[in-house]
C-alpha atoms as a PDB file:
ATOM      1  CA  MET A   1     -59.044  -9.734  23.858  1.00  0.00           C
ATOM      2  CA  ALA A   2     -58.695 -13.278  22.417  1.00  0.00           C
ATOM      3  CA  LEU A   3     -59.656 -16.744  23.614  1.00  0.00           C
ATOM      4  CA  LEU A   4     -57.014 -19.308  23.466  1.00  0.00           C
ATOM      5  CA  VAL A   5     -58.638 -22.613  21.925  1.00  0.00           C
ATOM      6  CA  LEU A   6     -57.335 -25.770  23.147  1.00  0.00           C
ATOM      7  CA  ARG A   7     -57.406 -29.309  21.314  1.00  0.00           C
ATOM      8  CA  ASN A   8     -57.746 -32.221  23.707  1.00  0.00           C
ATOM      9  CA  TYR A   9     -57.333 -36.077  22.176  1.00  0.00           C
ATOM     10  CA  VAL A  10     -57.889 -39.053  24.419  1.00  0.00           C
ATOM     11  CA  VAL A  11     -56.372 -42.353  23.319  1.00  0.00           C
ATOM     12  CA  ASP A  12     -56.821 -45.869  24.952  1.00  0.00           C
ATOM     13  CA  ALA A  13     -53.698 -46.567  25.959  1.00  0.00           C
ATOM     14  CA  ALA A  14     -54.507 -50.233  26.773  1.00  0.00           C
ATOM     15  CA  ASP A  15     -55.554 -50.997  23.184  1.00  0.00           C
ATOM     16  CA  PRO A  16     -52.052 -50.972  21.261  1.00  0.00           C
ATOM     17  CA  ASP A  17     -53.852 -52.759  18.295  1.00  0.00           C
ATOM     18  CA  ASN A  18     -55.839 -49.238  17.490  1.00  0.00           C
ATOM     19  CA  ILE A  19     -52.910 -46.793  18.137  1.00  0.00           C
ATOM     20  CA  GLY A  20     -52.146 -46.699  14.377  1.00  0.00           C
ATOM     21  CA  ILE A  21     -55.850 -45.380  13.478  1.00  0.00           C
ATOM     22  CA  SER A  22     -55.731 -42.733  16.600  1.00  0.00           C
ATOM     23  CA  LYS A  23     -52.599 -41.646  15.252  1.00  0.00           C
ATOM     24  CA  SER A  24     -53.786 -41.295  11.571  1.00  0.00           C
ATOM     25  CA  GLU A  25     -56.957 -39.465  12.968  1.00  0.00           C
ATOM     26  CA  LEU A  26     -54.799 -37.262  15.229  1.00  0.00           C
ATOM     27  CA  HIS A  27     -52.663 -36.056  12.384  1.00  0.00           C
ATOM     28  CA  ASP A  28     -55.637 -35.729   9.781  1.00  0.00           C
ATOM     29  CA  LEU A  29     -57.086 -33.505  12.231  1.00  0.00           C
ATOM     30  CA  LEU A  30     -54.146 -31.513  12.798  1.00  0.00           C
ATOM     31  CA  SER A  31     -53.793 -30.729   9.215  1.00  0.00           C
ATOM     32  CA  LYS A  32     -56.808 -28.669   9.381  1.00  0.00           C
ATOM     33  CA  PRO A  33     -55.718 -24.912   8.918  1.00  0.00           C
ATOM     34  CA  SER A  34     -58.470 -23.711  11.460  1.00  0.00           C
ATOM     35  CA  LEU A  35     -56.329 -25.480  14.135  1.00  0.00           C
ATOM     36  CA  ASN A  36     -52.837 -24.001  13.069  1.00  0.00           C
ATOM     37  CA  GLY A  37     -50.987 -23.522  16.254  1.00  0.00           C
ATOM     38  CA  ILE A  38     -53.452 -24.490  18.619  1.00  0.00           C
ATOM     39  CA  PRO A  39     -51.988 -26.477  21.727  1.00  0.00           C
ATOM     40  CA  LEU A  40     -52.484 -30.187  22.013  1.00  0.00           C
ATOM     41  CA  LEU A  41     -52.973 -32.260  25.117  1.00  0.00           C
ATOM     42  CA  VAL A  42     -52.821 -35.892  24.565  1.00  0.00           C
ATOM     43  CA  LEU A  43     -54.483 -38.254  27.271  1.00  0.00           C
ATOM     44  CA  GLY A  44     -53.405 -41.754  27.303  1.00  0.00           C
ATOM     45  CA  ASN A  45     -56.327 -43.208  29.299  1.00  0.00           C
ATOM     46  CA  LYS A  46     -56.767 -46.505  30.934  1.00  0.00           C
ATOM     47  CA  ILE A  47     -53.039 -47.065  32.396  1.00  0.00           C
ATOM     48  CA  ASP A  48     -54.878 -48.969  35.219  1.00  0.00           C
ATOM     49  CA  LYS A  49     -55.233 -51.780  32.895  1.00  0.00           C
ATOM     50  CA  PRO A  50     -52.406 -54.602  32.331  1.00  0.00           C
ATOM     51  CA  GLY A  51     -50.646 -54.075  29.040  1.00  0.00           C
ATOM     52  CA  ALA A  52     -51.246 -50.318  28.777  1.00  0.00           C
ATOM     53  CA  LEU A  53     -48.605 -48.411  26.994  1.00  0.00           C
ATOM     54  CA  SER A  54     -46.115 -45.958  28.782  1.00  0.00           C
ATOM     55  CA  LYS A  55     -45.754 -42.425  28.151  1.00  0.00           C
ATOM     56  CA  HIS A  56     -42.650 -42.826  26.088  1.00  0.00           C
ATOM     57  CA  ALA A  57     -44.371 -45.803  23.929  1.00  0.00           C
ATOM     58  CA  LEU A  58     -47.604 -43.868  23.533  1.00  0.00           C
ATOM     59  CA  THR A  59     -45.345 -40.668  22.575  1.00  0.00           C
ATOM     60  CA  GLU A  60     -43.537 -42.732  20.103  1.00  0.00           C
ATOM     61  CA  GLU A  61     -46.363 -44.738  18.518  1.00  0.00           C
ATOM     62  CA  MET A  62     -48.459 -41.472  17.927  1.00  0.00           C
ATOM     63  CA  GLY A  63     -45.642 -39.722  16.574  1.00  0.00           C
ATOM     64  CA  LEU A  64     -45.967 -36.660  18.849  1.00  0.00           C
ATOM     65  CA  LYS A  65     -42.479 -35.754  18.635  1.00  0.00           C
ATOM     66  CA  SER A  66     -42.975 -34.995  15.063  1.00  0.00           C
ATOM     67  CA  ILE A  67     -45.552 -32.289  15.690  1.00  0.00           C
ATOM     68  CA  THR A  68     -43.448 -29.185  15.655  1.00  0.00           C
ATOM     69  CA  ASP A  69     -45.978 -26.367  14.726  1.00  0.00           C
ATOM     70  CA  ARG A  70     -47.516 -26.287  18.199  1.00  0.00           C
ATOM     71  CA  GLU A  71     -47.290 -27.007  21.880  1.00  0.00           C
ATOM     72  CA  VAL A  72     -47.861 -30.699  22.648  1.00  0.00           C
ATOM     73  CA  CYS A  73     -48.323 -32.238  25.896  1.00  0.00           C
ATOM     74  CA  CYS A  74     -48.986 -35.901  26.929  1.00  0.00           C
ATOM     75  CA  PHE A  75     -50.166 -37.126  30.092  1.00  0.00           C
ATOM     76  CA  MET A  76     -51.045 -40.795  31.136  1.00  0.00           C
ATOM     77  CA  ILE A  77     -54.186 -40.879  33.044  1.00  0.00           C
ATOM     78  CA  SER A  78     -56.850 -43.304  34.279  1.00  0.00           C
ATOM     79  CA  CYS A  79     -60.337 -41.767  34.576  1.00  0.00           C
ATOM     80  CA  LYS A  80     -61.331 -44.815  36.658  1.00  0.00           C
ATOM     81  CA  ASN A  81     -58.736 -44.195  39.352  1.00  0.00           C
ATOM     82  CA  SER A  82     -58.501 -40.448  38.809  1.00  0.00           C
ATOM     83  CA  THR A  83     -54.808 -40.848  38.111  1.00  0.00           C
ATOM     84  CA  ASN A  84     -53.155 -37.382  37.100  1.00  0.00           C
ATOM     85  CA  ILE A  85     -56.475 -36.061  36.494  1.00  0.00           C
ATOM     86  CA  ASP A  86     -55.370 -33.010  38.684  1.00  0.00           C
ATOM     87  CA  SER A  87     -52.286 -32.466  36.409  1.00  0.00           C
ATOM     88  CA  VAL A  88     -54.525 -32.505  33.296  1.00  0.00           C
ATOM     89  CA  ILE A  89     -56.830 -29.806  35.214  1.00  0.00           C
ATOM     90  CA  ASP A  90     -53.869 -27.699  36.028  1.00  0.00           C
ATOM     91  CA  TRP A  91     -52.694 -27.674  32.208  1.00  0.00           C
ATOM     92  CA  LEU A  92     -55.988 -26.979  31.029  1.00  0.00           C
ATOM     93  CA  VAL A  93     -56.374 -24.011  33.390  1.00  0.00           C
ATOM     94  CA  LYS A  94     -52.750 -22.646  32.484  1.00  0.00           C
ATOM     95  CA  HIS A  95     -53.458 -22.965  28.956  1.00  0.00           C
ATOM     96  CA  SER A  96     -57.006 -21.634  28.800  1.00  0.00           C
ATOM     97  CA  LYS A  97     -56.799 -18.155  29.972  1.00  0.00           C
ATOM     98  CA  SER A  98     -57.460 -15.354  27.678  1.00  0.00           C
ATOM     99  CA  LYS A  99     -54.657 -13.703  25.924  1.00  0.00           C
ATOM    100  CA  SER A 100     -54.846  -9.889  25.095  1.00  0.00           C
END
């Protein structure tokens, strides 16, 4: 029985000035051989703040469509208001089950 490992990456959606840094760090992380094929969950946090990026904008700015060697999912959340946290938990439960 092998345990499926997941990678979660949280981005401050209300800080568009630093999205480029987040994108670079994410893509550097994903280039590590030990993470090949591991599902990726990107969370755009702080959507409760004015000026927060939309899901489409975050997906584009982070270059998520260019990641083709694994499953990639993106949720826009607000930890402060618990927005979409239930969807994140559902995704984590679905993807963290052991595979035999």
